[in-house]
């Protein structure tokens, strides 16, 4: 019976901590932007696409905020001003936000 070992950290797959370390090392920036016709969009930047599934993250954030959104050019965009709820959710998921330690 062979156990699968993570090539990065050398630990067995079920104990692998690479994803947690990847989350902690990234500086995520959450901001709001005013778009056409005065619509406000919440933009989440600074998440490494190679280490994190942006589509999955987008889906989770959209369901938690009860809003629409998309993934564009390496950042997640959500409809409406969702800044506080997104920050709270990302903190719970283990991400470090820009401007706080």
Protein backbone atom coordinates (compact mmCIF):
# COMPACT_ATOMS: atom_id res chain seq x y z
CA UNK A 1 0.00 0.00 0.00
CA UNK A 2 1.75 3.15 -1.18
CA UNK A 3 0.86 6.59 0.06
CA UNK A 4 0.80 9.55 -2.30
CA UNK A 5 3.32 12.21 -1.27
CA UNK A 6 3.10 15.91 -2.12
CA UNK A 7 6.06 16.93 -4.33
CA UNK A 8 6.28 20.39 -2.69
CA UNK A 9 6.21 19.76 1.05
CA UNK A 10 7.01 16.02 1.17
CA UNK A 11 4.04 15.22 3.40
CA UNK A 12 1.37 12.63 2.58
CA UNK A 13 -1.44 14.07 0.40
CA UNK A 14 -4.00 14.02 3.24
CA UNK A 15 -1.64 16.03 5.50
CA UNK A 16 -0.40 18.42 2.79
CA UNK A 17 -0.16 22.05 3.95
CA UNK A 18 0.83 23.65 0.64
CA UNK A 19 -2.63 25.16 0.02
CA UNK A 20 -2.72 26.77 3.48
CA UNK A 21 0.79 28.21 3.02
CA UNK A 22 -0.17 29.47 -0.44
CA UNK A 23 -3.19 31.27 1.04
CA UNK A 24 -1.14 32.85 3.84
CA UNK A 25 1.61 34.12 1.51
CA UNK A 26 -0.73 36.02 -0.81
CA UNK A 27 -1.71 39.63 -0.19
CA UNK A 28 -5.35 39.97 -1.23
CA UNK A 29 -6.73 43.43 -2.02
CA UNK A 30 -10.48 44.01 -1.84
CA UNK A 31 -11.82 47.27 -3.27
CA UNK A 32 -14.91 48.76 -4.88
CA UNK A 33 -15.03 50.41 -8.31
CA UNK A 34 -17.76 52.56 -9.80
CA UNK A 35 -18.66 51.27 -13.26
CA UNK A 36 -20.90 52.47 -16.07
CA UNK A 37 -24.28 53.89 -15.10
CA UNK A 38 -23.13 54.34 -11.48
CA UNK A 39 -23.05 50.62 -10.71
CA UNK A 40 -20.64 49.55 -7.96
CA UNK A 41 -18.47 46.44 -8.39
CA UNK A 42 -16.37 44.75 -5.70
CA UNK A 43 -12.95 43.67 -7.05
CA UNK A 44 -10.71 41.05 -5.37
CA UNK A 45 -7.08 41.13 -6.59
CA UNK A 46 -3.80 39.53 -5.59
CA UNK A 47 -4.82 35.86 -5.62
CA UNK A 48 -2.36 33.59 -7.44
CA UNK A 49 -4.28 31.77 -10.19
CA UNK A 50 -1.81 28.88 -10.29
CA UNK A 51 -2.28 27.92 -6.64
CA UNK A 52 -5.95 28.77 -6.09
CA UNK A 53 -9.01 27.81 -8.14
CA UNK A 54 -10.42 31.27 -8.93
CA UNK A 55 -13.64 29.90 -10.44
CA UNK A 56 -14.31 27.90 -7.28
CA UNK A 57 -13.47 30.87 -5.07
CA UNK A 58 -15.73 33.09 -7.18
CA UNK A 59 -18.59 30.59 -6.87
CA UNK A 60 -18.19 30.43 -3.07
CA UNK A 61 -18.09 34.25 -2.73
CA UNK A 62 -21.10 34.69 -5.03
CA UNK A 63 -23.18 32.23 -3.02
CA UNK A 64 -22.14 33.80 0.32
CA UNK A 65 -22.88 37.35 -0.91
CA UNK A 66 -26.00 36.35 -2.86
CA UNK A 67 -24.87 38.29 -5.94
CA UNK A 68 -23.58 37.77 -9.47
CA UNK A 69 -19.97 38.04 -10.54
CA UNK A 70 -17.19 36.89 -12.84
CA UNK A 71 -13.48 36.07 -13.05
CA UNK A 72 -11.53 38.48 -15.28
CA UNK A 73 -7.77 38.88 -15.81
CA UNK A 74 -6.78 37.11 -12.59
CA UNK A 75 -9.25 38.93 -10.35
CA UNK A 76 -12.74 38.18 -9.10
CA UNK A 77 -15.47 40.77 -9.66
CA UNK A 78 -18.74 40.75 -7.73
CA UNK A 79 -21.80 42.89 -8.39
CA UNK A 80 -22.63 45.50 -5.76
CA UNK A 81 -20.74 46.76 -2.72
CA UNK A 82 -19.83 43.47 -1.00
CA UNK A 83 -16.53 44.68 0.51
CA UNK A 84 -17.15 43.94 4.21
CA UNK A 85 -18.76 40.54 3.63
CA UNK A 86 -15.97 39.51 1.20
CA UNK A 87 -13.25 40.55 3.67
CA UNK A 88 -14.92 38.58 6.47
CA UNK A 89 -15.33 35.52 4.22
CA UNK A 90 -11.72 35.63 2.94
CA UNK A 91 -10.40 35.93 6.52
CA UNK A 92 -12.43 32.84 7.48
CA UNK A 93 -10.93 30.98 4.48
CA UNK A 94 -7.40 31.77 5.70
CA UNK A 95 -6.33 34.57 3.33
CA UNK A 96 -4.27 37.58 4.45
CA UNK A 97 -5.80 40.91 3.44
CA UNK A 98 -3.74 43.93 2.42
CA UNK A 99 -3.41 46.53 5.18
CA UNK A 100 -3.85 44.13 8.11
CA UNK A 101 -1.61 41.63 9.82
